[in-house]
Amino acid sequence: MSEPGETSSDENQYLFPDISSPSESEVSAPEEVLVDDRCEDTDGGFEIHEKGTATLYEGGEESWAKEDFCYDSDTLYEYYCKDGALTHDAIRCPCHDGECEPVLSFTECVDSDGGNEKYIKGSITLIKHYTDGT
């Protein structure tokens, strides 16, 4: 005698009349579920010289949005996306309106005649060199 759930070789039917094998039309793939989890940053990521907003979306809905801001005059909180997550770093820099200001590194004065030719007309150019802290 066959065990429950086995088929009879003669009839190719289940041995229990109330249990039947599903037809191909009844079998379908599981419904695809689209999950829209992502992180976006309006200033393009870790960008300390541009104020931006980092936004985390879960299931297609906004769940967190954080704007870059100055904690104090010398500390920027820079929000950005990393590996699909919203994160932040505290950056030491002169900070104004959610971004680091350029830091003057040195000033250079260039004299077209070398500065030693008092009878030759020349010009001077003042060049300010900045660093961005990166």
N, C-alpha and C. Protein backbone atom coordinates (compact mmCIF):
# COMPACT_ATOMS: atom_id res chain seq x y z
N MET A 1 0.84 -1.17 0.00
CA MET A 1 0.00 0.00 0.00
C MET A 1 0.87 1.23 0.00
N SER A 2 0.40 2.26 -0.63
CA SER A 2 1.14 3.51 -0.75
C SER A 2 0.98 4.34 0.50
N GLU A 3 1.99 5.18 0.76
CA GLU A 3 1.94 6.13 1.88
C GLU A 3 1.08 7.32 1.49
N PRO A 4 0.50 8.03 2.48
CA PRO A 4 -0.28 9.23 2.18
C PRO A 4 0.56 10.25 1.42
N GLY A 5 -0.03 10.85 0.42
CA GLY A 5 0.66 11.85 -0.39
C GLY A 5 1.37 11.29 -1.59
N GLU A 6 1.55 9.95 -1.65
CA GLU A 6 2.17 9.34 -2.81
C GLU A 6 1.12 9.14 -3.88
N THR A 7 1.56 8.99 -5.10
CA THR A 7 0.61 8.78 -6.19
C THR A 7 0.56 7.32 -6.56
N SER A 8 -0.57 6.91 -7.07
CA SER A 8 -0.74 5.56 -7.58
C SER A 8 -0.19 5.55 -8.99
N SER A 9 0.64 4.59 -9.32
CA SER A 9 1.23 4.55 -10.66
C SER A 9 0.18 4.29 -11.73
N ASP A 10 -0.92 3.62 -11.39
CA ASP A 10 -1.95 3.32 -12.38
C ASP A 10 -2.75 4.55 -12.78
N GLU A 11 -3.12 5.35 -11.84
CA GLU A 11 -4.05 6.44 -12.15
C GLU A 11 -3.39 7.81 -12.14
N ASN A 12 -2.15 7.93 -11.59
CA ASN A 12 -1.46 9.19 -11.47
C ASN A 12 -2.31 10.23 -10.74
N GLN A 13 -3.02 9.77 -9.74
CA GLN A 13 -3.87 10.63 -8.91
C GLN A 13 -3.40 10.46 -7.47
N TYR A 14 -3.64 11.50 -6.69
CA TYR A 14 -3.35 11.38 -5.26
C TYR A 14 -4.29 10.35 -4.66
N LEU A 15 -3.81 9.62 -3.68
CA LEU A 15 -4.59 8.56 -3.07
C LEU A 15 -5.70 9.09 -2.18
N PHE A 16 -5.61 10.33 -1.75
CA PHE A 16 -6.66 10.92 -0.94
C PHE A 16 -7.51 11.79 -1.84
N PRO A 17 -8.79 11.55 -1.90
CA PRO A 17 -9.64 12.25 -2.84
C PRO A 17 -9.75 13.76 -2.58
N ASP A 18 -9.55 14.21 -1.35
CA ASP A 18 -9.70 15.63 -1.09
C ASP A 18 -8.42 16.43 -1.34
N ILE A 19 -7.33 15.76 -1.68
CA ILE A 19 -6.07 16.44 -1.97
C ILE A 19 -5.77 16.26 -3.44
N SER A 20 -5.57 17.33 -4.13
CA SER A 20 -5.24 17.22 -5.55
C SER A 20 -3.97 18.00 -5.83
N SER A 21 -3.34 17.63 -6.88
CA SER A 21 -2.13 18.31 -7.32
C SER A 21 -2.53 19.60 -8.04
N PRO A 22 -1.88 20.72 -7.75
CA PRO A 22 -2.25 21.97 -8.41
C PRO A 22 -1.88 21.93 -9.88
N SER A 23 -2.72 22.53 -10.69
CA SER A 23 -2.41 22.60 -12.12
C SER A 23 -1.41 23.73 -12.34
N GLU A 24 -0.77 23.75 -13.51
CA GLU A 24 0.21 24.79 -13.81
C GLU A 24 -0.41 26.18 -13.77
N SER A 25 -1.66 26.31 -14.17
CA SER A 25 -2.30 27.62 -14.17
C SER A 25 -2.54 28.14 -12.76
N GLU A 26 -2.58 27.24 -11.78
CA GLU A 26 -2.79 27.66 -10.40
C GLU A 26 -1.49 28.04 -9.70
N VAL A 27 -0.36 27.64 -10.26
CA VAL A 27 0.93 27.94 -9.65
C VAL A 27 1.46 29.22 -10.26
N SER A 28 1.78 30.18 -9.42
CA SER A 28 2.34 31.43 -9.93
C SER A 28 3.51 31.84 -9.06
N ALA A 29 4.36 32.65 -9.65
CA ALA A 29 5.52 33.16 -8.91
C ALA A 29 5.03 34.14 -7.85
N PRO A 30 5.75 34.26 -6.78
CA PRO A 30 5.34 35.23 -5.77
C PRO A 30 5.31 36.63 -6.36
N GLU A 31 4.38 37.43 -5.88
CA GLU A 31 4.24 38.79 -6.38
C GLU A 31 5.50 39.57 -6.03
N GLU A 32 6.04 40.31 -7.02
CA GLU A 32 7.25 41.09 -6.79
C GLU A 32 6.92 42.29 -5.92
N VAL A 33 7.71 42.46 -4.89
CA VAL A 33 7.53 43.60 -3.99
C VAL A 33 8.69 44.55 -4.23
N LEU A 34 8.37 45.76 -4.65
CA LEU A 34 9.40 46.75 -4.90
C LEU A 34 9.64 47.55 -3.63
N VAL A 35 10.86 47.51 -3.16
CA VAL A 35 11.23 48.28 -1.98
C VAL A 35 12.17 49.38 -2.45
N ASP A 36 11.78 50.62 -2.20
CA ASP A 36 12.56 51.75 -2.66
C ASP A 36 13.29 52.37 -1.47
N ASP A 37 14.39 51.74 -1.08
CA ASP A 37 15.24 52.27 -0.01
C ASP A 37 16.44 52.92 -0.67
N ARG A 38 16.64 54.20 -0.40
CA ARG A 38 17.77 54.89 -0.99
C ARG A 38 18.12 56.11 -0.15
N CYS A 39 19.27 56.68 -0.43
CA CYS A 39 19.73 57.89 0.25
C CYS A 39 20.21 58.86 -0.82
N GLU A 40 19.82 60.12 -0.71
CA GLU A 40 20.20 61.14 -1.68
C GLU A 40 20.75 62.36 -0.94
N ASP A 41 21.72 63.04 -1.57
CA ASP A 41 22.30 64.24 -0.98
C ASP A 41 22.32 65.34 -2.04
N THR A 42 21.73 66.48 -1.74
CA THR A 42 21.60 67.56 -2.73
C THR A 42 22.93 68.19 -3.10
N ASP A 43 23.95 68.09 -2.23
CA ASP A 43 25.25 68.66 -2.59
C ASP A 43 26.20 67.60 -3.16
N GLY A 44 25.69 66.42 -3.45
CA GLY A 44 26.47 65.40 -4.14
C GLY A 44 27.28 64.48 -3.25
N GLY A 45 27.12 64.57 -1.95
CA GLY A 45 27.85 63.68 -1.06
C GLY A 45 28.65 64.46 -0.05
N PHE A 46 29.84 63.97 0.26
CA PHE A 46 30.70 64.63 1.24
C PHE A 46 31.30 65.86 0.58
N GLU A 47 30.63 66.98 0.72
CA GLU A 47 31.05 68.24 0.09
C GLU A 47 30.95 69.35 1.13
N ILE A 48 32.09 69.70 1.74
CA ILE A 48 32.08 70.63 2.87
C ILE A 48 31.96 72.09 2.46
N HIS A 49 32.15 72.39 1.17
CA HIS A 49 32.07 73.78 0.72
C HIS A 49 30.74 74.12 0.07
N GLU A 50 29.75 73.27 0.25
CA GLU A 50 28.41 73.52 -0.28
C GLU A 50 27.39 72.97 0.71
N LYS A 51 26.44 73.80 1.08
CA LYS A 51 25.39 73.37 2.00
C LYS A 51 24.43 72.45 1.25
N GLY A 52 24.06 71.35 1.87
CA GLY A 52 23.14 70.41 1.23
C GLY A 52 22.24 69.74 2.25
N THR A 53 21.35 68.91 1.73
CA THR A 53 20.44 68.13 2.57
C THR A 53 20.54 66.67 2.14
N ALA A 54 20.82 65.80 3.10
CA ALA A 54 20.84 64.35 2.84
C ALA A 54 19.50 63.78 3.30
N THR A 55 18.89 62.98 2.41
CA THR A 55 17.56 62.44 2.69
C THR A 55 17.59 60.92 2.54
N LEU A 56 17.05 60.23 3.54
CA LEU A 56 16.94 58.78 3.51
C LEU A 56 15.49 58.42 3.21
N TYR A 57 15.29 57.54 2.21
CA TYR A 57 13.96 57.06 1.84
C TYR A 57 13.88 55.58 2.20
N GLU A 58 12.80 55.19 2.85
CA GLU A 58 12.55 53.79 3.17
C GLU A 58 11.18 53.42 2.63
N GLY A 59 11.15 52.40 1.79
CA GLY A 59 9.89 51.99 1.17
C GLY A 59 9.30 53.07 0.29
N GLY A 60 10.16 53.91 -0.28
CA GLY A 60 9.71 54.98 -1.17
C GLY A 60 9.28 56.24 -0.45
N GLU A 61 9.24 56.21 0.87
CA GLU A 61 8.80 57.37 1.66
C GLU A 61 10.00 58.00 2.37
N GLU A 62 9.99 59.33 2.44
CA GLU A 62 11.05 60.03 3.16
C GLU A 62 10.97 59.69 4.65
N SER A 63 12.09 59.20 5.21
CA SER A 63 12.08 58.86 6.62
C SER A 63 12.97 59.79 7.45
N TRP A 64 14.03 60.31 6.85
CA TRP A 64 14.92 61.24 7.53
C TRP A 64 15.45 62.23 6.52
N ALA A 65 15.56 63.49 6.91
CA ALA A 65 16.22 64.51 6.10
C ALA A 65 17.03 65.38 7.04
N LYS A 66 18.31 65.51 6.76
CA LYS A 66 19.20 66.29 7.60
C LYS A 66 19.98 67.28 6.74
N GLU A 67 19.96 68.53 7.17
CA GLU A 67 20.65 69.60 6.44
C GLU A 67 21.99 69.88 7.11
N ASP A 68 23.04 70.11 6.28
CA ASP A 68 24.34 70.49 6.80
C ASP A 68 24.17 71.77 7.62
N PHE A 69 24.87 71.84 8.77
CA PHE A 69 24.75 73.04 9.59
C PHE A 69 26.03 73.29 10.38
N CYS A 70 26.19 74.54 10.81
CA CYS A 70 27.32 74.92 11.65
C CYS A 70 26.92 74.71 13.10
N TYR A 71 27.62 73.81 13.76
CA TYR A 71 27.39 73.58 15.19
C TYR A 71 27.82 74.82 15.97
N ASP A 72 28.96 75.36 15.56
CA ASP A 72 29.45 76.63 16.07
C ASP A 72 30.29 77.25 14.96
N SER A 73 30.98 78.34 15.23
CA SER A 73 31.70 79.03 14.16
C SER A 73 32.90 78.25 13.63
N ASP A 74 33.29 77.17 14.31
CA ASP A 74 34.45 76.37 13.89
C ASP A 74 34.13 74.90 13.63
N THR A 75 32.86 74.51 13.58
CA THR A 75 32.51 73.10 13.39
C THR A 75 31.31 72.96 12.46
N LEU A 76 31.53 72.23 11.36
CA LEU A 76 30.46 71.91 10.41
C LEU A 76 29.98 70.49 10.67
N TYR A 77 28.67 70.29 10.72
CA TYR A 77 28.10 68.95 10.69
C TYR A 77 27.70 68.69 9.25
N GLU A 78 28.46 67.82 8.59
CA GLU A 78 28.25 67.49 7.18
C GLU A 78 27.51 66.17 7.09
N TYR A 79 26.25 66.21 6.60
CA TYR A 79 25.45 65.00 6.41
C TYR A 79 25.63 64.52 4.97
N TYR A 80 25.75 63.21 4.80
CA TYR A 80 25.94 62.63 3.47
C TYR A 80 25.51 61.16 3.49
N CYS A 81 25.48 60.57 2.31
CA CYS A 81 25.08 59.17 2.17
C CYS A 81 26.33 58.31 2.01
N LYS A 82 26.34 57.18 2.70
CA LYS A 82 27.44 56.23 2.58
C LYS A 82 26.86 54.82 2.63
N ASP A 83 27.10 54.06 1.58
CA ASP A 83 26.60 52.68 1.48
C ASP A 83 25.09 52.61 1.71
N GLY A 84 24.35 53.58 1.18
CA GLY A 84 22.90 53.60 1.27
C GLY A 84 22.34 54.10 2.59
N ALA A 85 23.22 54.51 3.50
CA ALA A 85 22.77 55.00 4.81
C ALA A 85 23.10 56.48 4.95
N LEU A 86 22.32 57.16 5.77
CA LEU A 86 22.57 58.57 6.06
C LEU A 86 23.51 58.65 7.25
N THR A 87 24.61 59.39 7.10
CA THR A 87 25.59 59.52 8.17
C THR A 87 26.08 60.96 8.22
N HIS A 88 26.94 61.28 9.17
CA HIS A 88 27.49 62.63 9.25
C HIS A 88 28.88 62.60 9.88
N ASP A 89 29.62 63.68 9.62
CA ASP A 89 30.91 63.90 10.26
C ASP A 89 30.95 65.32 10.78
N ALA A 90 31.67 65.52 11.87
CA ALA A 90 31.92 66.86 12.39
C ALA A 90 33.28 67.30 11.83
N ILE A 91 33.29 68.42 11.11
CA ILE A 91 34.49 68.91 10.45
C ILE A 91 34.92 70.21 11.11
N ARG A 92 36.20 70.29 11.49
CA ARG A 92 36.73 71.53 12.06
C ARG A 92 37.15 72.45 10.92
N CYS A 93 36.46 73.59 10.82
CA CYS A 93 36.75 74.58 9.79
C CYS A 93 36.01 75.86 10.15
N PRO A 94 36.44 77.01 9.61
CA PRO A 94 35.61 78.20 9.78
C PRO A 94 34.28 77.93 9.08
N CYS A 95 33.18 77.98 9.81
CA CYS A 95 31.89 77.56 9.28
C CYS A 95 30.91 78.73 9.23
N HIS A 96 30.17 78.81 8.11
CA HIS A 96 29.14 79.82 7.95
C HIS A 96 28.02 79.25 7.09
N ASP A 97 26.78 79.33 7.57
CA ASP A 97 25.59 78.92 6.83
C ASP A 97 25.68 77.50 6.28
N GLY A 98 26.14 76.57 7.09
CA GLY A 98 26.13 75.16 6.71
C GLY A 98 27.23 74.73 5.76
N GLU A 99 28.29 75.52 5.65
CA GLU A 99 29.40 75.11 4.80
C GLU A 99 30.71 75.68 5.34
N CYS A 100 31.81 75.01 5.01
CA CYS A 100 33.13 75.50 5.40
C CYS A 100 33.53 76.64 4.48
N GLU A 101 34.08 77.68 5.08
CA GLU A 101 34.60 78.79 4.29
C GLU A 101 36.03 78.47 3.88
N PRO A 102 36.46 78.98 2.73
CA PRO A 102 37.86 78.77 2.34
C PRO A 102 38.78 79.38 3.40
N VAL A 103 39.91 78.73 3.62
CA VAL A 103 40.88 79.20 4.60
C VAL A 103 42.05 79.81 3.85
N LEU A 104 42.36 81.08 4.15
CA LEU A 104 43.48 81.75 3.51
C LEU A 104 44.77 81.08 3.95
N SER A 105 45.51 80.58 2.99
CA SER A 105 46.76 79.92 3.30
C SER A 105 47.91 80.93 3.25
N PHE A 106 48.05 81.65 2.14
CA PHE A 106 49.07 82.69 2.05
C PHE A 106 48.73 83.64 0.91
N THR A 107 49.35 84.82 0.98
CA THR A 107 49.15 85.83 -0.06
C THR A 107 50.48 86.04 -0.76
N GLU A 108 50.44 86.14 -2.08
CA GLU A 108 51.64 86.31 -2.89
C GLU A 108 51.53 87.62 -3.66
N CYS A 109 52.61 88.37 -3.69
CA CYS A 109 52.66 89.61 -4.46
C CYS A 109 53.64 89.42 -5.61
N VAL A 110 53.17 89.64 -6.82
CA VAL A 110 54.01 89.46 -8.01
C VAL A 110 54.20 90.83 -8.66
N ASP A 111 55.46 91.23 -8.85
CA ASP A 111 55.80 92.51 -9.49
C ASP A 111 56.35 92.20 -10.88
N SER A 112 55.73 92.77 -11.91
CA SER A 112 56.09 92.43 -13.29
C SER A 112 57.54 92.79 -13.65
N ASP A 113 58.11 93.81 -13.01
CA ASP A 113 59.50 94.17 -13.32
C ASP A 113 60.48 93.68 -12.25
N GLY A 114 60.04 92.78 -11.44
CA GLY A 114 60.91 92.20 -10.42
C GLY A 114 61.08 93.06 -9.18
N GLY A 115 60.49 94.28 -9.19
CA GLY A 115 60.56 95.15 -8.02
C GLY A 115 61.84 95.94 -7.90
N ASN A 116 62.78 95.74 -8.80
CA ASN A 116 64.08 96.40 -8.69
C ASN A 116 64.31 97.46 -9.76
N GLU A 117 63.40 97.62 -10.69
CA GLU A 117 63.59 98.55 -11.80
C GLU A 117 62.73 99.79 -11.59
N LYS A 118 63.29 100.82 -10.92
CA LYS A 118 62.49 102.00 -10.62
C LYS A 118 62.19 102.84 -11.84
N TYR A 119 62.92 102.67 -12.98
CA TYR A 119 62.67 103.47 -14.18
C TYR A 119 61.84 102.72 -15.23
N ILE A 120 61.40 101.52 -14.92
CA ILE A 120 60.55 100.74 -15.83
C ILE A 120 59.17 100.61 -15.20
N LYS A 121 58.17 100.97 -16.04
CA LYS A 121 56.79 100.86 -15.55
C LYS A 121 56.43 99.37 -15.42
N GLY A 122 55.87 99.04 -14.31
CA GLY A 122 55.46 97.67 -14.07
C GLY A 122 54.10 97.63 -13.39
N SER A 123 53.70 96.46 -13.04
CA SER A 123 52.44 96.29 -12.31
C SER A 123 52.64 95.23 -11.24
N ILE A 124 51.80 95.30 -10.24
CA ILE A 124 51.85 94.27 -9.21
C ILE A 124 50.53 93.52 -9.20
N THR A 125 50.62 92.28 -8.87
CA THR A 125 49.43 91.43 -8.77
C THR A 125 49.44 90.77 -7.40
N LEU A 126 48.34 90.90 -6.70
CA LEU A 126 48.19 90.26 -5.40
C LEU A 126 47.41 88.96 -5.61
N ILE A 127 47.99 87.85 -5.23
CA ILE A 127 47.37 86.54 -5.41
C ILE A 127 47.10 85.94 -4.04
N LYS A 128 45.86 85.60 -3.78
CA LYS A 128 45.49 84.96 -2.51
C LYS A 128 45.32 83.46 -2.77
N HIS A 129 46.05 82.67 -2.05
CA HIS A 129 45.97 81.22 -2.18
C HIS A 129 45.15 80.67 -1.02
N TYR A 130 44.19 79.81 -1.35
CA TYR A 130 43.30 79.24 -0.34
C TYR A 130 43.48 77.73 -0.30
N THR A 131 43.21 77.17 0.85
CA THR A 131 43.16 75.71 0.97
C THR A 131 41.75 75.33 1.38
N ASP A 132 41.34 74.15 1.06
CA ASP A 132 39.97 73.74 1.38
C ASP A 132 39.90 72.74 2.53
N GLY A 133 41.01 72.43 3.12
CA GLY A 133 40.99 71.53 4.27
C GLY A 133 40.90 70.06 3.93
N THR A 134 40.94 69.72 2.64
CA THR A 134 40.88 68.30 2.27
C THR A 134 42.21 67.83 1.74
